[in-house]
Amino acid sequence: MSVVSQFYGILIRMFYNDYVPPHFHAVYGEYELIVCISPIAILEGKAPNRVRSMVLEWTALHQQELSENCRQGEPPLPIEPLE
């Protein structure tokens, strides 16, 4: 699983060729979210509300890049963190 971004202690990871539906994993300490890219939604997992909000905000900002990472069928490219 490749780390594509990291911000505020949150790791954003994508598995190579595991994109049905297109999604990524957001890991924060003991918490993990599985987030659908389109439409943006949390598919599974738990995390503090602030973490969930930041992950969803980051997803909205980088939805196109995330989708491209899924479409290319290669290891995902890095994406800018949330500032």
N, C-alpha and C. Protein backbone atom coordinates (compact mmCIF):
# COMPACT_ATOMS: atom_id res chain seq x y z
N MET A 1 0.86 -1.16 0.00
CA MET A 1 0.00 0.00 0.00
C MET A 1 0.91 1.23 0.00
N SER A 2 0.69 2.11 -0.95
CA SER A 2 1.51 3.32 -1.09
C SER A 2 0.89 4.49 -0.32
N VAL A 3 1.73 5.25 0.35
CA VAL A 3 1.28 6.48 0.99
C VAL A 3 1.31 7.57 -0.07
N VAL A 4 0.16 8.17 -0.35
CA VAL A 4 0.09 9.22 -1.38
C VAL A 4 0.08 10.62 -0.78
N SER A 5 -0.24 10.72 0.52
CA SER A 5 -0.22 12.03 1.17
C SER A 5 -0.20 11.82 2.69
N GLN A 6 0.19 12.89 3.39
CA GLN A 6 0.20 12.85 4.84
C GLN A 6 0.00 14.27 5.35
N PHE A 7 -0.92 14.43 6.30
CA PHE A 7 -1.17 15.74 6.89
C PHE A 7 -1.79 15.57 8.27
N TYR A 8 -1.36 16.40 9.21
CA TYR A 8 -1.89 16.41 10.58
C TYR A 8 -1.96 15.02 11.20
N GLY A 9 -0.96 14.19 10.93
CA GLY A 9 -0.91 12.84 11.48
C GLY A 9 -1.78 11.83 10.75
N ILE A 10 -2.39 12.23 9.66
CA ILE A 10 -3.25 11.34 8.87
C ILE A 10 -2.46 10.84 7.67
N LEU A 11 -2.41 9.53 7.49
CA LEU A 11 -1.77 8.93 6.32
C LEU A 11 -2.85 8.58 5.31
N ILE A 12 -2.64 8.97 4.06
CA ILE A 12 -3.55 8.61 2.98
C ILE A 12 -2.85 7.54 2.16
N ARG A 13 -3.46 6.37 2.10
CA ARG A 13 -2.84 5.23 1.42
C ARG A 13 -3.76 4.69 0.34
N MET A 14 -3.12 4.20 -0.72
CA MET A 14 -3.87 3.56 -1.80
C MET A 14 -3.19 2.24 -2.13
N PHE A 15 -3.98 1.20 -2.29
CA PHE A 15 -3.47 -0.09 -2.73
C PHE A 15 -3.34 -0.08 -4.24
N TYR A 16 -2.31 -0.70 -4.74
CA TYR A 16 -2.13 -0.84 -6.18
C TYR A 16 -3.15 -1.84 -6.70
N ASN A 17 -3.94 -1.45 -7.69
CA ASN A 17 -4.97 -2.28 -8.34
C ASN A 17 -6.07 -2.76 -7.40
N ASP A 18 -6.43 -1.99 -6.39
CA ASP A 18 -7.55 -2.32 -5.50
C ASP A 18 -8.48 -1.11 -5.46
N TYR A 19 -9.20 -0.87 -6.54
CA TYR A 19 -9.94 0.37 -6.66
C TYR A 19 -11.42 0.18 -6.99
N VAL A 20 -12.06 -0.91 -6.60
CA VAL A 20 -13.48 -1.10 -6.93
C VAL A 20 -14.27 -1.10 -5.63
N PRO A 21 -15.10 -0.11 -5.37
CA PRO A 21 -15.18 1.16 -6.08
C PRO A 21 -13.91 1.97 -5.82
N PRO A 22 -13.63 2.99 -6.63
CA PRO A 22 -12.43 3.80 -6.41
C PRO A 22 -12.42 4.37 -4.99
N HIS A 23 -11.37 4.06 -4.24
CA HIS A 23 -11.30 4.46 -2.84
C HIS A 23 -9.86 4.57 -2.38
N PHE A 24 -9.70 5.07 -1.16
CA PHE A 24 -8.40 5.09 -0.50
C PHE A 24 -8.62 4.86 0.99
N HIS A 25 -7.52 4.67 1.70
CA HIS A 25 -7.56 4.43 3.14
C HIS A 25 -6.93 5.63 3.84
N ALA A 26 -7.59 6.15 4.85
CA ALA A 26 -7.05 7.23 5.68
C ALA A 26 -6.80 6.64 7.07
N VAL A 27 -5.56 6.71 7.51
CA VAL A 27 -5.17 6.11 8.79
C VAL A 27 -4.71 7.21 9.74
N TYR A 28 -5.28 7.21 10.93
CA TYR A 28 -4.93 8.17 11.96
C TYR A 28 -4.80 7.40 13.27
N GLY A 29 -3.57 7.11 13.68
CA GLY A 29 -3.35 6.32 14.88
C GLY A 29 -4.03 4.97 14.76
N GLU A 30 -4.92 4.68 15.70
CA GLU A 30 -5.63 3.40 15.70
C GLU A 30 -6.86 3.40 14.81
N TYR A 31 -7.19 4.53 14.22
CA TYR A 31 -8.39 4.67 13.40
C TYR A 31 -8.08 4.51 11.92
N GLU A 32 -9.05 3.98 11.19
CA GLU A 32 -8.91 3.87 9.74
C GLU A 32 -10.26 4.10 9.07
N LEU A 33 -10.23 4.89 8.02
CA LEU A 33 -11.41 5.14 7.20
C LEU A 33 -11.15 4.62 5.80
N ILE A 34 -12.15 4.05 5.16
CA ILE A 34 -12.09 3.73 3.74
C ILE A 34 -13.03 4.72 3.07
N VAL A 35 -12.46 5.52 2.16
CA VAL A 35 -13.19 6.65 1.58
C VAL A 35 -13.37 6.45 0.08
N CYS A 36 -14.62 6.49 -0.36
CA CYS A 36 -14.95 6.42 -1.78
C CYS A 36 -14.61 7.77 -2.42
N ILE A 37 -14.03 7.71 -3.63
CA ILE A 37 -13.60 8.93 -4.31
C ILE A 37 -14.75 9.60 -5.06
N SER A 38 -15.60 8.81 -5.68
CA SER A 38 -16.72 9.39 -6.43
C SER A 38 -17.91 8.45 -6.40
N PRO A 39 -18.97 8.84 -5.73
CA PRO A 39 -19.14 10.08 -4.98
C PRO A 39 -18.33 10.02 -3.69
N ILE A 40 -17.96 11.18 -3.18
CA ILE A 40 -17.17 11.24 -1.95
C ILE A 40 -18.04 10.77 -0.79
N ALA A 41 -17.57 9.70 -0.13
CA ALA A 41 -18.32 9.15 1.00
C ALA A 41 -17.40 8.24 1.81
N ILE A 42 -17.65 8.17 3.09
CA ILE A 42 -16.92 7.22 3.93
C ILE A 42 -17.65 5.89 3.83
N LEU A 43 -16.94 4.88 3.33
CA LEU A 43 -17.52 3.56 3.15
C LEU A 43 -17.48 2.73 4.42
N GLU A 44 -16.37 2.85 5.15
CA GLU A 44 -16.18 2.06 6.37
C GLU A 44 -15.26 2.80 7.32
N GLY A 45 -15.34 2.41 8.58
CA GLY A 45 -14.37 2.87 9.55
C GLY A 45 -14.87 3.96 10.47
N LYS A 46 -14.02 4.22 11.46
CA LYS A 46 -14.31 5.25 12.47
C LYS A 46 -13.07 6.11 12.67
N ALA A 47 -13.32 7.36 12.99
CA ALA A 47 -12.26 8.31 13.33
C ALA A 47 -12.92 9.50 14.00
N PRO A 48 -12.14 10.28 14.76
CA PRO A 48 -12.71 11.48 15.36
C PRO A 48 -13.31 12.40 14.29
N ASN A 49 -14.35 13.14 14.67
CA ASN A 49 -15.05 14.02 13.71
C ASN A 49 -14.11 14.98 12.99
N ARG A 50 -13.15 15.55 13.71
CA ARG A 50 -12.21 16.49 13.08
C ARG A 50 -11.40 15.79 11.98
N VAL A 51 -10.97 14.57 12.23
CA VAL A 51 -10.21 13.80 11.23
C VAL A 51 -11.11 13.50 10.04
N ARG A 52 -12.32 13.06 10.29
CA ARG A 52 -13.26 12.78 9.19
C ARG A 52 -13.47 14.02 8.33
N SER A 53 -13.65 15.16 8.97
CA SER A 53 -13.86 16.41 8.24
C SER A 53 -12.66 16.78 7.38
N MET A 54 -11.46 16.66 7.94
CA MET A 54 -10.25 16.99 7.18
C MET A 54 -10.06 16.05 6.00
N VAL A 55 -10.32 14.76 6.20
CA VAL A 55 -10.18 13.79 5.12
C VAL A 55 -11.18 14.08 4.00
N LEU A 56 -12.41 14.38 4.35
CA LEU A 56 -13.41 14.69 3.32
C LEU A 56 -13.09 16.00 2.59
N GLU A 57 -12.58 16.99 3.32
CA GLU A 57 -12.18 18.25 2.68
C GLU A 57 -11.03 18.00 1.70
N TRP A 58 -10.02 17.24 2.13
CA TRP A 58 -8.88 16.92 1.28
C TRP A 58 -9.34 16.15 0.04
N THR A 59 -10.26 15.21 0.23
CA THR A 59 -10.78 14.43 -0.89
C THR A 59 -11.44 15.33 -1.93
N ALA A 60 -12.24 16.28 -1.47
CA ALA A 60 -12.91 17.21 -2.39
C ALA A 60 -11.90 18.05 -3.17
N LEU A 61 -10.83 18.46 -2.50
CA LEU A 61 -9.81 19.28 -3.15
C LEU A 61 -9.00 18.49 -4.19
N HIS A 62 -8.87 17.19 -3.98
CA HIS A 62 -7.98 16.37 -4.81
C HIS A 62 -8.71 15.21 -5.50
N GLN A 63 -10.01 15.35 -5.66
CA GLN A 63 -10.81 14.26 -6.23
C GLN A 63 -10.31 13.85 -7.62
N GLN A 64 -9.97 14.80 -8.46
CA GLN A 64 -9.50 14.48 -9.80
C GLN A 64 -8.18 13.71 -9.76
N GLU A 65 -7.24 14.15 -8.93
CA GLU A 65 -5.95 13.46 -8.82
C GLU A 65 -6.14 12.04 -8.28
N LEU A 66 -7.02 11.90 -7.30
CA LEU A 66 -7.30 10.57 -6.75
C LEU A 66 -7.89 9.66 -7.82
N SER A 67 -8.82 10.18 -8.59
CA SER A 67 -9.43 9.40 -9.68
C SER A 67 -8.39 8.99 -10.71
N GLU A 68 -7.49 9.91 -11.05
CA GLU A 68 -6.43 9.59 -12.01
C GLU A 68 -5.51 8.50 -11.47
N ASN A 69 -5.20 8.55 -10.18
CA ASN A 69 -4.38 7.50 -9.58
C ASN A 69 -5.05 6.14 -9.74
N CYS A 70 -6.35 6.09 -9.60
CA CYS A 70 -7.08 4.82 -9.76
C CYS A 70 -7.10 4.37 -11.21
N ARG A 71 -7.31 5.29 -12.13
CA ARG A 71 -7.42 4.95 -13.55
C ARG A 71 -6.12 4.47 -14.17
N GLN A 72 -5.00 4.97 -13.72
CA GLN A 72 -3.75 4.67 -14.41
C GLN A 72 -3.29 3.23 -14.22
N GLY A 73 -3.80 2.50 -13.25
CA GLY A 73 -3.46 1.10 -13.08
C GLY A 73 -2.00 0.86 -12.73
N GLU A 74 -1.36 1.84 -12.14
CA GLU A 74 0.04 1.75 -11.72
C GLU A 74 0.11 2.22 -10.27
N PRO A 75 1.26 2.05 -9.63
CA PRO A 75 1.36 2.59 -8.27
C PRO A 75 0.96 4.07 -8.26
N PRO A 76 0.19 4.48 -7.26
CA PRO A 76 -0.33 5.85 -7.22
C PRO A 76 0.76 6.91 -7.04
N LEU A 77 0.50 8.08 -7.60
CA LEU A 77 1.41 9.22 -7.50
C LEU A 77 1.12 10.01 -6.23
N PRO A 78 2.13 10.69 -5.68
CA PRO A 78 1.91 11.53 -4.49
C PRO A 78 0.95 12.68 -4.78
N ILE A 79 0.22 13.09 -3.74
CA ILE A 79 -0.74 14.20 -3.84
C ILE A 79 -0.44 15.17 -2.69
N GLU A 80 -0.55 16.46 -2.98
CA GLU A 80 -0.28 17.50 -1.98
C GLU A 80 -1.14 17.29 -0.72
N PRO A 81 -0.57 17.59 0.45
CA PRO A 81 -1.34 17.46 1.70
C PRO A 81 -2.31 18.62 1.89
N LEU A 82 -3.16 18.47 2.88
CA LEU A 82 -4.05 19.55 3.30
C LEU A 82 -3.21 20.56 4.09
N GLU A 83 -3.39 21.83 3.81
CA GLU A 83 -2.61 22.86 4.52
C GLU A 83 -3.46 23.59 5.52
